[in-house]
C-alpha atoms as a PDB file:
ATOM      1  CA  MET A   1       0.000   0.000   0.000  1.00  0.00           C
ATOM      2  CA  SER A   2       1.434   3.390  -0.925  1.00  0.00           C
ATOM      3  CA  LEU A   3       1.944   6.201   1.535  1.00  0.00           C
ATOM      4  CA  TRP A   4      -0.777   8.431   0.060  1.00  0.00           C
ATOM      5  CA  SER A   5      -3.445   5.750   0.111  1.00  0.00           C
ATOM      6  CA  GLU A   6      -2.607   4.965   3.736  1.00  0.00           C
ATOM      7  CA  ILE A   7      -2.896   8.638   4.704  1.00  0.00           C
ATOM      8  CA  PHE A   8      -6.188   8.903   2.808  1.00  0.00           C
ATOM      9  CA  GLU A   9      -7.612   5.843   4.594  1.00  0.00           C
ATOM     10  CA  ARG A  10      -6.585   7.238   7.982  1.00  0.00           C
ATOM     11  CA  LEU A  11      -8.249  10.565   7.197  1.00  0.00           C
ATOM     12  CA  LEU A  12     -11.439   8.794   6.127  1.00  0.00           C
ATOM     13  CA  TYR A  13     -11.418   6.772   9.348  1.00  0.00           C
ATOM     14  CA  TYR A  14     -10.895   9.933  11.403  1.00  0.00           C
ATOM     15  CA  PHE A  15     -13.779  11.798   9.783  1.00  0.00           C
ATOM     16  CA  ASP A  16     -16.071   8.763  10.021  1.00  0.00           C
ATOM     17  CA  THR A  17     -15.457   8.339  13.749  1.00  0.00           C
ATOM     18  CA  SER A  18     -15.207  11.993  14.771  1.00  0.00           C
ATOM     19  CA  ASN A  19     -17.770  14.727  15.221  1.00  0.00           C
ATOM     20  CA  ALA A  20     -16.655  16.511  12.036  1.00  0.00           C
ATOM     21  CA  ALA A  21     -19.394  14.801  10.046  1.00  0.00           C
ATOM     22  CA  ARG A  22     -22.135  16.224  12.252  1.00  0.00           C
ATOM     23  CA  PRO A  23     -23.758  19.482  11.132  1.00  0.00           C
ATOM     24  CA  SER A  24     -23.517  21.059  14.586  1.00  0.00           C
ATOM     25  CA  THR A  25     -19.741  20.720  14.521  1.00  0.00           C
ATOM     26  CA  ASN A  26     -19.558  22.238  11.060  1.00  0.00           C
ATOM     27  CA  ILE A  27     -21.672  25.192  12.198  1.00  0.00           C
ATOM     28  CA  GLN A  28     -19.394  25.645  15.195  1.00  0.00           C
ATOM     29  CA  LEU A  29     -16.315  25.607  12.954  1.00  0.00           C
ATOM     30  CA  VAL A  30     -17.813  28.260  10.669  1.00  0.00           C
ATOM     31  CA  PHE A  31     -19.252  30.684  13.230  1.00  0.00           C
ATOM     32  CA  VAL A  32     -17.272  30.245  16.441  1.00  0.00           C
ATOM     33  CA  ARG A  33     -13.834  30.107  14.900  1.00  0.00           C
ATOM     34  CA  ASN A  34     -14.581  32.838  12.388  1.00  0.00           C
ATOM     35  CA  GLU A  35     -12.329  35.362  14.151  1.00  0.00           C
ATOM     36  CA  ILE A  36      -9.300  33.101  13.919  1.00  0.00           C
ATOM     37  CA  LEU A  37     -10.035  32.311  10.290  1.00  0.00           C
ATOM     38  CA  ASN A  38     -10.512  36.011   9.532  1.00  0.00           C
ATOM     39  CA  GLN A  39      -7.168  36.887  11.132  1.00  0.00           C
ATOM     40  CA  ILE A  40      -5.376  34.194   9.155  1.00  0.00           C
ATOM     41  CA  LEU A  41      -6.948  35.110   5.821  1.00  0.00           C
ATOM     42  CA  SER A  42      -6.454  38.866   6.288  1.00  0.00           C
ATOM     43  CA  SER A  43      -2.770  38.586   7.184  1.00  0.00           C
ATOM     44  CA  PRO A  44      -0.429  40.706   5.050  1.00  0.00           C
ATOM     45  CA  ALA A  45       1.438  37.593   3.905  1.00  0.00           C
ATOM     46  CA  LEU A  46      -1.673  36.275   2.103  1.00  0.00           C
ATOM     47  CA  GLN A  47      -2.694  39.577   0.449  1.00  0.00           C
ATOM     48  CA  PRO A  48      -0.743  38.977  -2.806  1.00  0.00           C
ATOM     49  CA  LEU A  49      -2.195  35.483  -3.086  1.00  0.00           C
ATOM     50  CA  GLY A  50      -5.673  36.950  -2.686  1.00  0.00           C
ATOM     51  CA  LYS A  51      -5.050  39.354  -5.559  1.00  0.00           C
ATOM     52  CA  VAL A  52      -4.069  36.599  -7.983  1.00  0.00           C
ATOM     53  CA  SER A  53      -6.514  33.960  -6.743  1.00  0.00           C
ATOM     54  CA  TYR A  54      -9.115  34.591  -9.472  1.00  0.00           C
ATOM     55  CA  CYS A  55      -6.459  34.484 -12.188  1.00  0.00           C
ATOM     56  CA  LEU A  56      -5.134  31.291 -10.634  1.00  0.00           C
ATOM     57  CA  TYR A  57      -8.629  29.821 -10.765  1.00  0.00           C
ATOM     58  CA  ILE A  58      -8.947  30.776 -14.440  1.00  0.00           C
ATOM     59  CA  ILE A  59      -5.506  29.599 -15.570  1.00  0.00           C
ATOM     60  CA  HIS A  60      -4.999  26.303 -13.682  1.00  0.00           C
ATOM     61  CA  PRO A  61      -7.038  24.066 -16.056  1.00  0.00           C
ATOM     62  CA  PHE A  62      -4.965  25.279 -18.994  1.00  0.00           C
ATOM     63  CA  VAL A  63      -1.734  24.510 -17.134  1.00  0.00           C
ATOM     64  CA  GLN A  64      -3.000  21.012 -16.363  1.00  0.00           C
ATOM     65  CA  ILE A  65      -3.989  20.442 -20.005  1.00  0.00           C
ATOM     66  CA  LEU A  66      -0.576  21.696 -21.139  1.00  0.00           C
ATOM     67  CA  GLN A  67       1.151  19.295 -18.735  1.00  0.00           C
ATOM     68  CA  PHE A  68      -1.055  16.385 -19.759  1.00  0.00           C
ATOM     69  CA  ARG A  69      -0.520  16.954 -23.485  1.00  0.00           C
ATOM     70  CA  SER A  70       3.247  17.240 -23.045  1.00  0.00           C
ATOM     71  CA  ILE A  71       3.466  13.514 -22.247  1.00  0.00           C
ATOM     72  CA  THR A  72       4.976  11.816 -25.291  1.00  0.00           C
ATOM     73  CA  SER A  73       5.575   8.302 -23.995  1.00  0.00           C
ATOM     74  CA  ASN A  74       4.350   5.929 -21.318  1.00  0.00           C
ATOM     75  CA  ARG A  75       5.421   6.764 -17.799  1.00  0.00           C
ATOM     76  CA  LYS A  76       5.802   4.585 -14.773  1.00  0.00           C
ATOM     77  CA  TYR A  77       3.964   6.563 -12.146  1.00  0.00           C
ATOM     78  CA  SER A  78       5.178   6.722  -8.577  1.00  0.00           C
ATOM     79  CA  ASP A  79       4.365   8.878  -5.574  1.00  0.00           C
ATOM     80  CA  PHE A  80       7.457  11.011  -6.210  1.00  0.00           C
ATOM     81  CA  LEU A  81       6.558  11.599  -9.859  1.00  0.00           C
ATOM     82  CA  GLN A  82       2.966  12.488  -8.997  1.00  0.00           C
ATOM     83  CA  GLY A  83       4.126  14.892  -6.279  1.00  0.00           C
ATOM     84  CA  SER A  84       6.612  16.575  -8.587  1.00  0.00           C
ATOM     85  CA  LEU A  85       3.965  16.938 -11.305  1.00  0.00           C
ATOM     86  CA  ILE A  86       1.543  18.555  -8.860  1.00  0.00           C
ATOM     87  CA  ILE A  87       4.156  20.944  -7.467  1.00  0.00           C
ATOM     88  CA  GLY A  88       5.231  21.837 -11.004  1.00  0.00           C
ATOM     89  CA  ASP A  89       1.631  22.510 -12.040  1.00  0.00           C
ATOM     90  CA  ILE A  90       1.143  24.757  -9.003  1.00  0.00           C
ATOM     91  CA  CYS A  91       4.335  26.715  -9.710  1.00  0.00           C
ATOM     92  CA  TYR A  92       3.501  27.212 -13.401  1.00  0.00           C
ATOM     93  CA  ALA A  93      -0.064  28.197 -12.574  1.00  0.00           C
ATOM     94  CA  VAL A  94       1.076  30.781 -10.007  1.00  0.00           C
ATOM     95  CA  VAL A  95       3.592  32.304 -12.439  1.00  0.00           C
ATOM     96  CA  PHE A  96       1.022  32.475 -15.260  1.00  0.00           C
ATOM     97  CA  ALA A  97      -1.595  33.864 -12.848  1.00  0.00           C
ATOM     98  CA  ILE A  98       0.750  36.637 -11.690  1.00  0.00           C
ATOM     99  CA  PHE A  99       1.501  37.494 -15.319  1.00  0.00           C
ATOM    100  CA  LEU A 100      -2.227  37.514 -16.166  1.00  0.00           C
ATOM    101  CA  HIS A 101      -3.015  39.664 -13.128  1.00  0.00           C
ATOM    102  CA  LEU A 102      -0.319  42.230 -13.944  1.00  0.00           C
ATOM    103  CA  THR A 103      -1.112  42.452 -17.651  1.00  0.00           C
ATOM    104  CA  VAL A 104      -4.908  42.156 -17.718  1.00  0.00           C
ATOM    105  CA  GLU A 105      -6.696  42.313 -14.385  1.00  0.00           C
ATOM    106  CA  ALA A 106      -4.886  45.190 -12.636  1.00  0.00           C
ATOM    107  CA  PRO A 107      -5.018  47.604 -15.628  1.00  0.00           C
ATOM    108  CA  THR A 108      -8.679  46.726 -16.191  1.00  0.00           C
ATOM    109  CA  LEU A 109      -9.507  47.498 -12.562  1.00  0.00           C
ATOM    110  CA  LYS A 110      -7.726  50.854 -12.814  1.00  0.00           C
ATOM    111  CA  LEU A 111      -9.692  51.735 -15.943  1.00  0.00           C
ATOM    112  CA  GLU A 112     -12.910  50.666 -14.245  1.00  0.00           C
ATOM    113  CA  ASN A 113     -12.192  52.905 -11.245  1.00  0.00           C
ATOM    114  CA  ILE A 114     -11.429  55.861 -13.520  1.00  0.00           C
ATOM    115  CA  PHE A 115     -14.606  55.262 -15.523  1.00  0.00           C
ATOM    116  CA  LEU A 116     -16.801  54.886 -12.441  1.00  0.00           C
ATOM    117  CA  ALA A 117     -15.269  57.983 -10.842  1.00  0.00           C
ATOM    118  CA  SER A 118     -16.137  60.025 -13.915  1.00  0.00           C
ATOM    119  CA  LEU A 119     -19.706  58.691 -13.817  1.00  0.00           C
ATOM    120  CA  ARG A 120     -20.043  59.699 -10.177  1.00  0.00           C
ATOM    121  CA  GLY A 121     -19.022  63.214 -11.115  1.00  0.00           C
ATOM    122  CA  GLY A 122     -16.122  63.628  -8.746  1.00  0.00           C
ATOM    123  CA  ASN A 123     -12.533  62.840  -8.301  1.00  0.00           C
ATOM    124  CA  ALA A 124     -11.725  59.286  -7.335  1.00  0.00           C
ATOM    125  CA  LYS A 125     -10.978  59.088  -3.648  1.00  0.00           C
ATOM    126  CA  ASN A 126      -9.074  56.187  -2.340  1.00  0.00           C
ATOM    127  CA  LYS A 127     -10.574  53.948   0.311  1.00  0.00           C
ATOM    128  CA  ASP A 128      -8.430  55.382   3.120  1.00  0.00           C
ATOM    129  CA  GLU A 129      -9.760  58.894   2.503  1.00  0.00           C
ATOM    130  CA  GLU A 130     -13.356  57.627   2.449  1.00  0.00           C
ATOM    131  CA  LYS A 131     -12.867  55.738   5.718  1.00  0.00           C
ATOM    132  CA  HIS A 132     -11.255  58.786   7.337  1.00  0.00           C
ATOM    133  CA  GLU A 133     -14.183  60.995   6.317  1.00  0.00           C
ATOM    134  CA  MET A 134     -16.668  58.392   7.552  1.00  0.00           C
ATOM    135  CA  TYR A 135     -14.991  58.106  10.966  1.00  0.00           C
ATOM    136  CA  LYS A 136     -14.658  61.879  11.205  1.00  0.00           C
ATOM    137  CA  SER A 137     -18.369  62.404  10.482  1.00  0.00           C
ATOM    138  CA  ASN A 138     -19.367  59.666  12.955  1.00  0.00           C
ATOM    139  CA  GLY A 139     -17.203  61.211  15.650  1.00  0.00           C
ATOM    140  CA  GLU A 140     -18.737  64.672  15.110  1.00  0.00           C
ATOM    141  CA  GLU A 141     -22.259  63.259  15.422  1.00  0.00           C
ATOM    142  CA  LYS A 142     -21.430  61.702  18.792  1.00  0.00           C
ATOM    143  CA  GLY A 143     -19.757  64.878  20.071  1.00  0.00           C
ATOM    144  CA  GLN A 144     -16.279  63.443  19.780  1.00  0.00           C
ATOM    145  CA  VAL A 145     -13.357  64.773  17.838  1.00  0.00           C
END
């Protein structure tokens, strides 16, 4: 039995015998631990990955098709080969997603912001300025400075 199939069987056994399969546990994981999950996902280290995540979603099937069609002869598959293929696919997909984000998505978003700002009839304010004005107006309403 290979290492991956043994790990998979152990995980299946764990989830079959634990409380993770019960809906109440799933609800607890979503709502009670939401603060921890929010802190992890909003960390500065994951911000660049969040920006390219949609491009990564779009590009990964094409990377997998490219890898699959590059096979010219029969291969003897092993755990090491499968792992290296997966890691290679992930690396290529991330590189292509960053390229796609920088060349297509980011310029398109800038154009969209410029276009929407002109439709609103004012200069485009960045989000920090809008938040500052919102907090300033809320503080004045409560008698605070």
